[in-house]
PDB file of N, CA and C in Angstrom:
ATOM      1  N   MET A   1      94.453 127.909 244.282  1.00  0.00           N
ATOM      2  CA  MET A   1      95.718 128.619 244.395  1.00  0.00           C
ATOM      3  C   MET A   1      96.363 128.213 245.715  1.00  0.00           C
ATOM      4  N   SER A   2      97.640 127.951 245.663  1.00  0.00           N
ATOM      5  CA  SER A   2      98.343 127.529 246.871  1.00  0.00           C
ATOM      6  C   SER A   2      98.442 128.667 247.875  1.00  0.00           C
ATOM      7  N   ALA A   3      98.610 128.302 249.128  1.00  0.00           N
ATOM      8  CA  ALA A   3      98.749 129.305 250.191  1.00  0.00           C
ATOM      9  C   ALA A   3      99.986 130.162 249.953  1.00  0.00           C
ATOM     10  N   LYS A   4     101.060 129.537 249.465  1.00  0.00           N
ATOM     11  CA  LYS A   4     102.295 130.288 249.195  1.00  0.00           C
ATOM     12  C   LYS A   4     102.060 131.351 248.126  1.00  0.00           C
ATOM     13  N   LEU A   5     101.395 130.966 247.034  1.00  0.00           N
ATOM     14  CA  LEU A   5     101.100 131.924 245.967  1.00  0.00           C
ATOM     15  C   LEU A   5     100.158 133.004 246.476  1.00  0.00           C
ATOM     16  N   ASN A   6      99.185 132.644 247.276  1.00  0.00           N
ATOM     17  CA  ASN A   6      98.262 133.631 247.860  1.00  0.00           C
ATOM     18  C   ASN A   6      99.015 134.685 248.662  1.00  0.00           C
ATOM     19  N   ARG A   7      99.913 134.243 249.517  1.00  0.00           N
ATOM     20  CA  ARG A   7     100.682 135.167 250.358  1.00  0.00           C
ATOM     21  C   ARG A   7     101.615 136.033 249.519  1.00  0.00           C
ATOM     22  N   PHE A   8     102.239 135.432 248.516  1.00  0.00           N
ATOM     23  CA  PHE A   8     103.115 136.153 247.594  1.00  0.00           C
ATOM     24  C   PHE A   8     102.320 137.227 246.861  1.00  0.00           C
ATOM     25  N   LEU A   9     101.173 136.850 246.295  1.00  0.00           N
ATOM     26  CA  LEU A   9     100.326 137.764 245.533  1.00  0.00           C
ATOM     27  C   LEU A   9      99.814 138.906 246.403  1.00  0.00           C
ATOM     28  N   PHE A  10      99.388 138.607 247.631  1.00  0.00           N
ATOM     29  CA  PHE A  10      98.889 139.650 248.518  1.00  0.00           C
ATOM     30  C   PHE A  10      99.975 140.686 248.802  1.00  0.00           C
ATOM     31  N   ALA A  11     101.199 140.240 249.073  1.00  0.00           N
ATOM     32  CA  ALA A  11     102.305 141.166 249.335  1.00  0.00           C
ATOM     33  C   ALA A  11     102.659 141.959 248.080  1.00  0.00           C
ATOM     34  N   TYR A  12     102.596 141.319 246.932  1.00  0.00           N
ATOM     35  CA  TYR A  12     102.854 141.973 245.646  1.00  0.00           C
ATOM     36  C   TYR A  12     101.863 143.121 245.437  1.00  0.00           C
ATOM     37  N   ILE A  13     100.581 142.844 245.678  1.00  0.00           N
ATOM     38  CA  ILE A  13      99.543 143.861 245.494  1.00  0.00           C
ATOM     39  C   ILE A  13      99.682 144.973 246.532  1.00  0.00           C
ATOM     40  N   GLU A  14      99.991 144.633 247.766  1.00  0.00           N
ATOM     41  CA  GLU A  14     100.214 145.669 248.788  1.00  0.00           C
ATOM     42  C   GLU A  14     101.333 146.611 248.360  1.00  0.00           C
ATOM     43  N   ALA A  15     102.453 146.056 247.889  1.00  0.00           N
ATOM     44  CA  ALA A  15     103.573 146.888 247.432  1.00  0.00           C
ATOM     45  C   ALA A  15     103.159 147.736 246.239  1.00  0.00           C
ATOM     46  N   MET A  16     102.362 147.151 245.341  1.00  0.00           N
ATOM     47  CA  MET A  16     101.860 147.892 244.183  1.00  0.00           C
ATOM     48  C   MET A  16     101.075 149.121 244.632  1.00  0.00           C
ATOM     49  N   LEU A  17     100.199 148.928 245.608  1.00  0.00           N
ATOM     50  CA  LEU A  17      99.312 150.012 246.028  1.00  0.00           C
ATOM     51  C   LEU A  17     100.048 151.122 246.769  1.00  0.00           C
ATOM     52  N   TRP A  18     101.014 150.784 247.634  1.00  0.00           N
ATOM     53  CA  TRP A  18     101.674 151.864 248.364  1.00  0.00           C
ATOM     54  C   TRP A  18     102.769 152.539 247.561  1.00  0.00           C
ATOM     55  N   SER A  19     103.268 151.861 246.505  1.00  0.00           N
ATOM     56  CA  SER A  19     104.364 152.453 245.731  1.00  0.00           C
ATOM     57  C   SER A  19     103.895 153.122 244.438  1.00  0.00           C
ATOM     58  N   SER A  20     102.621 152.995 244.106  1.00  0.00           N
ATOM     59  CA  SER A  20     102.073 153.603 242.884  1.00  0.00           C
ATOM     60  C   SER A  20     101.191 154.779 243.276  1.00  0.00           C
ATOM     61  N   THR A  21     101.134 155.760 242.399  1.00  0.00           N
ATOM     62  CA  THR A  21     100.352 156.956 242.699  1.00  0.00           C
ATOM     63  C   THR A  21      99.238 157.160 241.681  1.00  0.00           C
ATOM     64  N   GLY A  22      98.210 157.869 242.127  1.00  0.00           N
ATOM     65  CA  GLY A  22      97.089 158.221 241.267  1.00  0.00           C
ATOM     66  C   GLY A  22      97.300 159.582 240.629  1.00  0.00           C
ATOM     67  N   ASP A  23      96.237 160.133 240.097  1.00  0.00           N
ATOM     68  CA  ASP A  23      96.304 161.413 239.386  1.00  0.00           C
ATOM     69  C   ASP A  23      96.822 162.553 240.246  1.00  0.00           C
ATOM     70  N   LEU A  24      96.527 162.537 241.529  1.00  0.00           N
ATOM     71  CA  LEU A  24      96.964 163.616 242.421  1.00  0.00           C
ATOM     72  C   LEU A  24      98.295 163.305 243.086  1.00  0.00           C
ATOM     73  N   GLN A  25      98.977 162.279 242.601  1.00  0.00           N
ATOM     74  CA  GLN A  25     100.269 161.831 243.105  1.00  0.00           C
ATOM     75  C   GLN A  25     100.210 161.291 244.536  1.00  0.00           C
ATOM     76  N   ASN A  26      99.031 160.902 244.980  1.00  0.00           N
ATOM     77  CA  ASN A  26      98.883 160.252 246.278  1.00  0.00           C
ATOM     78  C   ASN A  26      99.061 158.755 246.096  1.00  0.00           C
ATOM     79  N   PRO A  27      99.668 158.080 247.078  1.00  0.00           N
ATOM     80  CA  PRO A  27      99.775 156.617 246.967  1.00  0.00           C
ATOM     81  C   PRO A  27      98.383 155.997 246.801  1.00  0.00           C
ATOM     82  N   LEU A  28      98.295 155.015 245.923  1.00  0.00           N
ATOM     83  CA  LEU A  28      97.001 154.384 245.651  1.00  0.00           C
ATOM     84  C   LEU A  28      96.396 153.740 246.891  1.00  0.00           C
ATOM     85  N   ASN A  29      97.231 153.295 247.828  1.00  0.00           N
ATOM     86  CA  ASN A  29      96.680 152.626 249.012  1.00  0.00           C
ATOM     87  C   ASN A  29      95.897 153.571 249.919  1.00  0.00           C
ATOM     88  N   GLU A  30      95.940 154.859 249.638  1.00  0.00           N
ATOM     89  CA  GLU A  30      95.125 155.802 250.411  1.00  0.00           C
ATOM     90  C   GLU A  30      93.642 155.679 250.055  1.00  0.00           C
ATOM     91  N   ASN A  31      93.351 155.225 248.837  1.00  0.00           N
ATOM     92  CA  ASN A  31      91.955 155.165 248.380  1.00  0.00           C
ATOM     93  C   ASN A  31      91.542 153.830 247.758  1.00  0.00           C
ATOM     94  N   TYR A  32      92.487 152.908 247.605  1.00  0.00           N
ATOM     95  CA  TYR A  32      92.197 151.662 246.915  1.00  0.00           C
ATOM     96  C   TYR A  32      92.715 150.468 247.702  1.00  0.00           C
ATOM     97  N   VAL A  33      92.085 149.324 247.481  1.00  0.00           N
ATOM     98  CA  VAL A  33      92.486 148.056 248.079  1.00  0.00           C
ATOM     99  C   VAL A  33      92.552 147.016 246.964  1.00  0.00           C
ATOM    100  N   ALA A  34      93.002 145.832 247.303  1.00  0.00           N
ATOM    101  CA  ALA A  34      93.168 144.770 246.303  1.00  0.00           C
ATOM    102  C   ALA A  34      91.882 144.496 245.531  1.00  0.00           C
ATOM    103  N   GLU A  35      90.748 144.602 246.191  1.00  0.00           N
ATOM    104  CA  GLU A  35      89.468 144.326 245.534  1.00  0.00           C
ATOM    105  C   GLU A  35      89.139 145.337 244.448  1.00  0.00           C
ATOM    106  N   ASP A  36      89.895 146.433 244.373  1.00  0.00           N
ATOM    107  CA  ASP A  36      89.667 147.444 243.348  1.00  0.00           C
ATOM    108  C   ASP A  36      90.393 147.148 242.039  1.00  0.00           C
ATOM    109  N   LEU A  37      91.192 146.083 242.010  1.00  0.00           N
ATOM    110  CA  LEU A  37      91.848 145.713 240.767  1.00  0.00           C
ATOM    111  C   LEU A  37      90.813 145.143 239.798  1.00  0.00           C
ATOM    112  N   ASP A  38      90.904 145.538 238.558  1.00  0.00           N
ATOM    113  CA  ASP A  38      90.070 144.955 237.524  1.00  0.00           C
ATOM    114  C   ASP A  38      90.323 143.444 237.520  1.00  0.00           C
ATOM    115  N   PRO A  39      89.287 142.622 237.380  1.00  0.00           N
ATOM    116  CA  PRO A  39      89.479 141.167 237.424  1.00  0.00           C
ATOM    117  C   PRO A  39      90.525 140.637 236.438  1.00  0.00           C
ATOM    118  N   LYS A  40      90.586 141.200 235.249  1.00  0.00           N
ATOM    119  CA  LYS A  40      91.589 140.745 234.273  1.00  0.00           C
ATOM    120  C   LYS A  40      92.994 141.149 234.707  1.00  0.00           C
ATOM    121  N   PHE A  41      93.113 142.333 235.303  1.00  0.00           N
ATOM    122  CA  PHE A  41      94.421 142.765 235.803  1.00  0.00           C
ATOM    123  C   PHE A  41      94.843 141.888 236.982  1.00  0.00           C
ATOM    124  N   LEU A  42      93.914 141.560 237.853  1.00  0.00           N
ATOM    125  CA  LEU A  42      94.214 140.671 238.974  1.00  0.00           C
ATOM    126  C   LEU A  42      94.678 139.313 238.450  1.00  0.00           C
ATOM    127  N   GLN A  43      94.015 138.827 237.417  1.00  0.00           N
ATOM    128  CA  GLN A  43      94.398 137.551 236.813  1.00  0.00           C
ATOM    129  C   GLN A  43      95.814 137.643 236.248  1.00  0.00           C
ATOM    130  N   GLN A  44      96.156 138.776 235.623  1.00  0.00           N
ATOM    131  CA  GLN A  44      97.505 138.977 235.093  1.00  0.00           C
ATOM    132  C   GLN A  44      98.517 138.980 236.236  1.00  0.00           C
ATOM    133  N   CYS A  45      98.182 139.673 237.335  1.00  0.00           N
ATOM    134  CA  CYS A  45      99.082 139.726 238.490  1.00  0.00           C
ATOM    135  C   CYS A  45      99.325 138.325 239.044  1.00  0.00           C
ATOM    136  N   ARG A  46      98.261 137.546 239.165  1.00  0.00           N
ATOM    137  CA  ARG A  46      98.370 136.176 239.669  1.00  0.00           C
ATOM    138  C   ARG A  46      99.259 135.337 238.747  1.00  0.00           C
ATOM    139  N   ALA A  47      99.066 135.474 237.440  1.00  0.00           N
ATOM    140  CA  ALA A  47      99.872 134.721 236.480  1.00  0.00           C
ATOM    141  C   ALA A  47     101.336 135.146 236.535  1.00  0.00           C
ATOM    142  N   ASP A  48     101.584 136.448 236.638  1.00  0.00           N
ATOM    143  CA  ASP A  48     102.962 136.942 236.734  1.00  0.00           C
ATOM    144  C   ASP A  48     103.638 136.415 237.994  1.00  0.00           C
ATOM    145  N   CYS A  49     102.926 136.463 239.113  1.00  0.00           N
ATOM    146  CA  CYS A  49     103.494 135.990 240.377  1.00  0.00           C
ATOM    147  C   CYS A  49     103.760 134.489 240.315  1.00  0.00           C
ATOM    148  N   GLY A  50     102.814 133.733 239.801  1.00  0.00           N
ATOM    149  CA  GLY A  50     103.002 132.295 239.661  1.00  0.00           C
ATOM    150  C   GLY A  50     104.159 131.962 238.732  1.00  0.00           C
ATOM    151  N   GLY A  51     104.265 132.698 237.646  1.00  0.00           N
ATOM    152  CA  GLY A  51     105.363 132.490 236.704  1.00  0.00           C
ATOM    153  C   GLY A  51     106.705 132.809 237.318  1.00  0.00           C
ATOM    154  N   PHE A  52     106.746 133.873 238.100  1.00  0.00           N
ATOM    155  CA  PHE A  52     107.997 134.239 238.756  1.00  0.00           C
ATOM    156  C   PHE A  52     108.408 133.165 239.749  1.00  0.00           C
ATOM    157  N   ILE A  53     107.466 132.705 240.565  1.00  0.00           N
ATOM    158  CA  ILE A  53     107.764 131.657 241.544  1.00  0.00           C
ATOM    159  C   ILE A  53     108.279 130.405 240.841  1.00  0.00           C
ATOM    160  N   GLU A  54     107.638 130.045 239.744  1.00  0.00           N
ATOM    161  CA  GLU A  54     108.050 128.852 239.000  1.00  0.00           C
ATOM    162  C   GLU A  54     109.457 129.009 238.434  1.00  0.00           C
ATOM    163  N   LYS A  55     109.735 130.157 237.821  1.00  0.00           N
ATOM    164  CA  LYS A  55     111.052 130.388 237.227  1.00  0.00           C
ATOM    165  C   LYS A  55     112.143 130.496 238.291  1.00  0.00           C
ATOM    166  N   ALA A  56     111.813 131.100 239.424  1.00  0.00           N
ATOM    167  CA  ALA A  56     112.806 131.284 240.484  1.00  0.00           C
ATOM    168  C   ALA A  56     113.105 129.970 241.199  1.00  0.00           C
ATOM    169  N   GLY A  57     112.102 129.116 241.303  1.00  0.00           N
ATOM    170  CA  GLY A  57     112.294 127.803 241.899  1.00  0.00           C
ATOM    171  C   GLY A  57     112.988 127.840 243.254  1.00  0.00           C
ATOM    172  N   ALA A  58     114.041 127.053 243.373  1.00  0.00           N
ATOM    173  CA  ALA A  58     114.760 126.888 244.639  1.00  0.00           C
ATOM    174  C   ALA A  58     115.450 128.177 245.106  1.00  0.00           C
ATOM    175  N   MET A  59     115.612 129.151 244.214  1.00  0.00           N
ATOM    176  CA  MET A  59     116.257 130.404 244.628  1.00  0.00           C
ATOM    177  C   MET A  59     115.435 131.124 245.691  1.00  0.00           C
ATOM    178  N   LEU A  60     114.138 130.830 245.781  1.00  0.00           N
ATOM    179  CA  LEU A  60     113.282 131.492 246.773  1.00  0.00           C
ATOM    180  C   LEU A  60     113.247 130.764 248.117  1.00  0.00           C
ATOM    181  N   ALA A  61     114.019 129.707 248.272  1.00  0.00           N
ATOM    182  CA  ALA A  61     113.962 128.882 249.488  1.00  0.00           C
ATOM    183  C   ALA A  61     114.206 129.691 250.765  1.00  0.00           C
ATOM    184  N   GLY A  62     115.057 130.686 250.745  1.00  0.00           N
ATOM    185  CA  GLY A  62     115.356 131.474 251.941  1.00  0.00           C
ATOM    186  C   GLY A  62     114.431 132.653 252.160  1.00  0.00           C
ATOM    187  N   TRP A  63     113.499 132.862 251.271  1.00  0.00           N
ATOM    188  CA  TRP A  63     112.652 134.050 251.292  1.00  0.00           C
ATOM    189  C   TRP A  63     111.234 133.684 251.737  1.00  0.00           C
ATOM    190  N   SER A  64     110.617 134.532 252.540  1.00  0.00           N
ATOM    191  CA  SER A  64     109.203 134.320 252.856  1.00  0.00           C
ATOM    192  C   SER A  64     108.391 134.746 251.634  1.00  0.00           C
ATOM    193  N   PRO A  65     107.213 134.163 251.434  1.00  0.00           N
ATOM    194  CA  PRO A  65     106.388 134.585 250.294  1.00  0.00           C
ATOM    195  C   PRO A  65     106.064 136.082 250.345  1.00  0.00           C
ATOM    196  N   GLU A  66     105.853 136.619 251.536  1.00  0.00           N
ATOM    197  CA  GLU A  66     105.530 138.046 251.666  1.00  0.00           C
ATOM    198  C   GLU A  66     106.706 138.922 251.243  1.00  0.00           C
ATOM    199  N   GLN A  67     107.895 138.568 251.691  1.00  0.00           N
ATOM    200  CA  GLN A  67     109.088 139.328 251.342  1.00  0.00           C
ATOM    201  C   GLN A  67     109.350 139.242 249.837  1.00  0.00           C
ATOM    202  N   ALA A  68     109.245 138.041 249.296  1.00  0.00           N
ATOM    203  CA  ALA A  68     109.514 137.848 247.872  1.00  0.00           C
ATOM    204  C   ALA A  68     108.463 138.537 246.999  1.00  0.00           C
ATOM    205  N   GLY A  69     107.195 138.475 247.401  1.00  0.00           N
ATOM    206  CA  GLY A  69     106.145 139.130 246.622  1.00  0.00           C
ATOM    207  C   GLY A  69     106.333 140.630 246.556  1.00  0.00           C
ATOM    208  N   SER A  70     106.631 141.217 247.687  1.00  0.00           N
ATOM    209  CA  SER A  70     106.888 142.658 247.742  1.00  0.00           C
ATOM    210  C   SER A  70     108.111 143.018 246.911  1.00  0.00           C
ATOM    211  N   ASP A  71     109.190 142.255 247.090  1.00  0.00           N
ATOM    212  CA  ASP A  71     110.417 142.548 246.352  1.00  0.00           C
ATOM    213  C   ASP A  71     110.255 142.333 244.853  1.00  0.00           C
ATOM    214  N   PHE A  72     109.422 141.367 244.453  1.00  0.00           N
ATOM    215  CA  PHE A  72     109.163 141.169 243.030  1.00  0.00           C
ATOM    216  C   PHE A  72     108.557 142.426 242.424  1.00  0.00           C
ATOM    217  N   TRP A  73     107.527 142.975 243.078  1.00  0.00           N
ATOM    218  CA  TRP A  73     106.913 144.201 242.556  1.00  0.00           C
ATOM    219  C   TRP A  73     107.929 145.341 242.506  1.00  0.00           C
ATOM    220  N   LEU A  74     108.626 145.566 243.602  1.00  0.00           N
ATOM    221  CA  LEU A  74     109.555 146.697 243.680  1.00  0.00           C
ATOM    222  C   LEU A  74     110.682 146.569 242.659  1.00  0.00           C
ATOM    223  N   THR A  75     111.222 145.367 242.517  1.00  0.00           N
ATOM    224  CA  THR A  75     112.354 145.170 241.611  1.00  0.00           C
ATOM    225  C   THR A  75     111.934 145.283 240.153  1.00  0.00           C
ATOM    226  N   ARG A  76     110.835 144.651 239.785  1.00  0.00           N
ATOM    227  CA  ARG A  76     110.429 144.659 238.370  1.00  0.00           C
ATOM    228  C   ARG A  76     110.085 146.066 237.901  1.00  0.00           C
ATOM    229  N   ASN A  77     109.719 146.942 238.840  1.00  0.00           N
ATOM    230  CA  ASN A  77     109.318 148.302 238.483  1.00  0.00           C
ATOM    231  C   ASN A  77     110.394 149.342 238.748  1.00  0.00           C
ATOM    232  N   GLY A  78     111.581 148.907 239.120  1.00  0.00           N
ATOM    233  CA  GLY A  78     112.715 149.817 239.250  1.00  0.00           C
ATOM    234  C   GLY A  78     112.642 150.753 240.437  1.00  0.00           C
ATOM    235  N   HIS A  79     111.944 150.347 241.492  1.00  0.00           N
ATOM    236  CA  HIS A  79     111.916 151.169 242.700  1.00  0.00           C
ATOM    237  C   HIS A  79     113.264 151.054 243.400  1.00  0.00           C
ATOM    238  N   GLY A  80     113.540 151.906 244.325  1.00  0.00           N
ATOM    239  CA  GLY A  80     114.845 151.946 244.990  1.00  0.00           C
ATOM    240  C   GLY A  80     115.057 150.868 246.025  1.00  0.00           C
ATOM    241  N   ALA A  81     114.288 149.820 245.980  1.00  0.00           N
ATOM    242  CA  ALA A  81     114.433 148.703 246.909  1.00  0.00           C
ATOM    243  C   ALA A  81     114.015 147.435 246.181  1.00  0.00           C
ATOM    244  N   GLY A  82     114.317 146.299 246.762  1.00  0.00           N
ATOM    245  CA  GLY A  82     113.927 145.035 246.157  1.00  0.00           C
ATOM    246  C   GLY A  82     114.904 143.941 246.500  1.00  0.00           C
ATOM    247  N   PHE A  83     114.924 142.915 245.669  1.00  0.00           N
ATOM    248  CA  PHE A  83     115.784 141.762 245.929  1.00  0.00           C
ATOM    249  C   PHE A  83     117.236 142.160 246.103  1.00  0.00           C
ATOM    250  N   TRP A  84     117.706 143.041 245.273  1.00  0.00           N
ATOM    251  CA  TRP A  84     119.118 143.387 245.238  1.00  0.00           C
ATOM    252  C   TRP A  84     119.635 144.025 246.524  1.00  0.00           C
ATOM    253  N   ASP A  85     118.765 144.632 247.330  1.00  0.00           N
ATOM    254  CA  ASP A  85     119.269 145.319 248.528  1.00  0.00           C
ATOM    255  C   ASP A  85     118.937 144.594 249.840  1.00  0.00           C
ATOM    256  N   ARG A  86     118.523 143.335 249.747  1.00  0.00           N
ATOM    257  CA  ARG A  86     118.250 142.528 250.940  1.00  0.00           C
ATOM    258  C   ARG A  86     119.548 141.942 251.478  1.00  0.00           C
ATOM    259  N   ASP A  87     119.454 141.416 252.685  1.00  0.00           N
ATOM    260  CA  ASP A  87     120.555 140.696 253.313  1.00  0.00           C
ATOM    261  C   ASP A  87     121.000 139.574 252.377  1.00  0.00           C
ATOM    262  N   GLU A  88     122.265 139.569 252.023  1.00  0.00           N
ATOM    263  CA  GLU A  88     122.751 138.587 251.057  1.00  0.00           C
ATOM    264  C   GLU A  88     122.737 137.166 251.591  1.00  0.00           C
ATOM    265  N   SER A  89     122.518 136.987 252.905  1.00  0.00           N
ATOM    266  CA  SER A  89     122.460 135.622 253.442  1.00  0.00           C
ATOM    267  C   SER A  89     121.221 134.888 252.932  1.00  0.00           C
ATOM    268  N   LEU A  90     120.229 135.626 252.410  1.00  0.00           N
ATOM    269  CA  LEU A  90     119.048 134.986 251.831  1.00  0.00           C
ATOM    270  C   LEU A  90     119.394 134.309 250.508  1.00  0.00           C
ATOM    271  N   GLY A  91     120.405 134.800 249.854  1.00  0.00           N
ATOM    272  CA  GLY A  91     120.900 134.185 248.635  1.00  0.00           C
ATOM    273  C   GLY A  91     120.178 134.604 247.371  1.00  0.00           C
ATOM    274  N   PHE A  92     120.907 134.531 246.277  1.00  0.00           N
ATOM    275  CA  PHE A  92     120.391 134.738 244.924  1.00  0.00           C
ATOM    276  C   PHE A  92     119.819 136.139 244.677  1.00  0.00           C
ATOM    277  N   ASN A  93     120.304 137.123 245.431  1.00  0.00           N
ATOM    278  CA  ASN A  93     119.791 138.478 245.276  1.00  0.00           C
ATOM    279  C   ASN A  93     119.910 138.979 243.830  1.00  0.00           C
ATOM    280  N   ASP A  94     121.097 138.835 243.253  1.00  0.00           N
ATOM    281  CA  ASP A  94     121.316 139.331 241.894  1.00  0.00           C
ATOM    282  C   ASP A  94     120.504 138.547 240.867  1.00  0.00           C
ATOM    283  N   GLU A  95     120.442 137.230 241.032  1.00  0.00           N
ATOM    284  CA  GLU A  95     119.709 136.389 240.096  1.00  0.00           C
ATOM    285  C   GLU A  95     118.211 136.693 240.139  1.00  0.00           C
ATOM    286  N   LEU A  96     117.671 136.855 241.354  1.00  0.00           N
ATOM    287  CA  LEU A  96     116.247 137.176 241.493  1.00  0.00           C
ATOM    288  C   LEU A  96     115.948 138.565 240.938  1.00  0.00           C
ATOM    289  N   SER A  97     116.870 139.498 241.143  1.00  0.00           N
ATOM    290  CA  SER A  97     116.697 140.843 240.587  1.00  0.00           C
ATOM    291  C   SER A  97     116.642 140.796 239.069  1.00  0.00           C
ATOM    292  N   SER A  98     117.563 140.062 238.464  1.00  0.00           N
ATOM    293  CA  SER A  98     117.591 139.951 236.999  1.00  0.00           C
ATOM    294  C   SER A  98     116.312 139.302 236.470  1.00  0.00           C
ATOM    295  N   LEU A  99     115.854 138.260 237.154  1.00  0.00           N
ATOM    296  CA  LEU A  99     114.631 137.588 236.736  1.00  0.00           C
ATOM    297  C   LEU A  99     113.433 138.536 236.824  1.00  0.00           C
ATOM    298  N   ALA A 100     113.315 139.263 237.935  1.00  0.00           N
ATOM    299  CA  ALA A 100     112.198 140.203 238.107  1.00  0.00           C
ATOM    300  C   ALA A 100     112.239 141.293 237.042  1.00  0.00           C
ATOM    301  N   GLU A 101     113.405 141.849 236.799  1.00  0.00           N
ATOM    302  CA  GLU A 101     113.538 142.908 235.803  1.00  0.00           C
ATOM    303  C   GLU A 101     113.204 142.403 234.401  1.00  0.00           C
ATOM    304  N   SER A 102     113.532 141.131 234.131  1.00  0.00           N
ATOM    305  CA  SER A 102     113.267 140.574 232.796  1.00  0.00           C
ATOM    306  C   SER A 102     111.773 140.445 232.515  1.00  0.00           C
ATOM    307  N   MET A 103     110.951 140.476 233.560  1.00  0.00           N
ATOM    308  CA  MET A 103     109.507 140.348 233.377  1.00  0.00           C
ATOM    309  C   MET A 103     108.850 141.687 233.053  1.00  0.00           C
ATOM    310  N   GLY A 104     109.620 142.774 233.068  1.00  0.00           N
ATOM    311  CA  GLY A 104     109.123 144.075 232.650  1.00  0.00           C
ATOM    312  C   GLY A 104     108.344 144.819 233.704  1.00  0.00           C
ATOM    313  N   ALA A 105     108.329 146.131 233.563  1.00  0.00           N
ATOM    314  CA  ALA A 105     107.624 147.015 234.498  1.00  0.00           C
ATOM    315  C   ALA A 105     106.141 147.096 234.154  1.00  0.00           C
ATOM    316  N   ILE A 106     105.355 147.449 235.144  1.00  0.00           N
ATOM    317  CA  ILE A 106     103.912 147.636 234.962  1.00  0.00           C
ATOM    318  C   ILE A 106     103.535 148.996 235.531  1.00  0.00           C
ATOM    319  N   ASP A 107     102.816 149.772 234.762  1.00  0.00           N
ATOM    320  CA  ASP A 107     102.258 151.033 235.248  1.00  0.00           C
ATOM    321  C   ASP A 107     100.821 150.778 235.665  1.00  0.00           C
ATOM    322  N   VAL A 108     100.477 151.224 236.858  1.00  0.00           N
ATOM    323  CA  VAL A 108      99.122 151.059 237.378  1.00  0.00           C
ATOM    324  C   VAL A 108      98.379 152.371 237.200  1.00  0.00           C
ATOM    325  N   TYR A 109      97.129 152.297 236.763  1.00  0.00           N
ATOM    326  CA  TYR A 109      96.336 153.509 236.600  1.00  0.00           C
ATOM    327  C   TYR A 109      94.886 153.232 236.972  1.00  0.00           C
ATOM    328  N   VAL A 110      94.188 154.312 237.284  1.00  0.00           N
ATOM    329  CA  VAL A 110      92.772 154.233 237.640  1.00  0.00           C
ATOM    330  C   VAL A 110      91.955 154.448 236.376  1.00  0.00           C
ATOM    331  N   GLY A 111      91.113 153.478 236.058  1.00  0.00           N
ATOM    332  CA  GLY A 111      90.264 153.579 234.887  1.00  0.00           C
ATOM    333  C   GLY A 111      89.043 154.448 235.150  1.00  0.00           C
ATOM    334  N   GLY A 112      88.336 154.787 234.117  1.00  0.00           N
ATOM    335  CA  GLY A 112      87.127 155.599 234.224  1.00  0.00           C
ATOM    336  C   GLY A 112      86.053 154.943 235.076  1.00  0.00           C
ATOM    337  N   ASP A 113      86.144 153.635 235.257  1.00  0.00           N
ATOM    338  CA  ASP A 113      85.183 152.903 236.081  1.00  0.00           C
ATOM    339  C   ASP A 113      85.607 152.812 237.545  1.00  0.00           C
ATOM    340  N   GLY A 114      86.757 153.458 237.866  1.00  0.00           N
ATOM    341  CA  GLY A 114      87.247 153.439 239.246  1.00  0.00           C
ATOM    342  C   GLY A 114      88.040 152.201 239.601  1.00  0.00           C
ATOM    343  N   LYS A 115      88.222 151.295 238.654  1.00  0.00           N
ATOM    344  CA  LYS A 115      89.025 150.087 238.869  1.00  0.00           C
ATOM    345  C   LYS A 115      90.481 150.374 238.530  1.00  0.00           C
ATOM    346  N   LEU A 116      91.377 149.565 239.104  1.00  0.00           N
ATOM    347  CA  LEU A 116      92.804 149.692 238.827  1.00  0.00           C
ATOM    348  C   LEU A 116      93.196 148.755 237.701  1.00  0.00           C
ATOM    349  N   TYR A 117      93.996 149.282 236.776  1.00  0.00           N
ATOM    350  CA  TYR A 117      94.454 148.543 235.624  1.00  0.00           C
ATOM    351  C   TYR A 117      95.972 148.648 235.534  1.00  0.00           C
ATOM    352  N   GLY A 118      96.570 147.753 234.776  1.00  0.00           N
ATOM    353  CA  GLY A 118      98.003 147.804 234.541  1.00  0.00           C
ATOM    354  C   GLY A 118      98.307 147.814 233.071  1.00  0.00           C
ATOM    355  N   SER A 119      99.393 148.477 232.740  1.00  0.00           N
ATOM    356  CA  SER A 119      99.829 148.488 231.328  1.00  0.00           C
ATOM    357  C   SER A 119     101.336 148.331 231.263  1.00  0.00           C
TER     358      SER A 119
END
């Protein structure tokens, strides 16, 4: 995996954990880390991030992988922040928002085994 994809994926997962809540409505990052993702879910996250980077192509040229990874998670899941509300000098805010939204939202939940899953 490329360093760029690694950095993008790490930021994506960080945003997932602090913006998603568990059964008690506490942010998941209070009790979970990236290593708590089910391996198949992690593989899905990696594929989604790689697919987004590939589809976005040159539109991501002004964005750091960390910023883009975080914004991908936030935008695709309809949070109140993301690509659309960044400094427009980075470019392609609307296009990146549309692309992220087209990939669909993911709900994160804690499985009976204590691992994190997405649906």
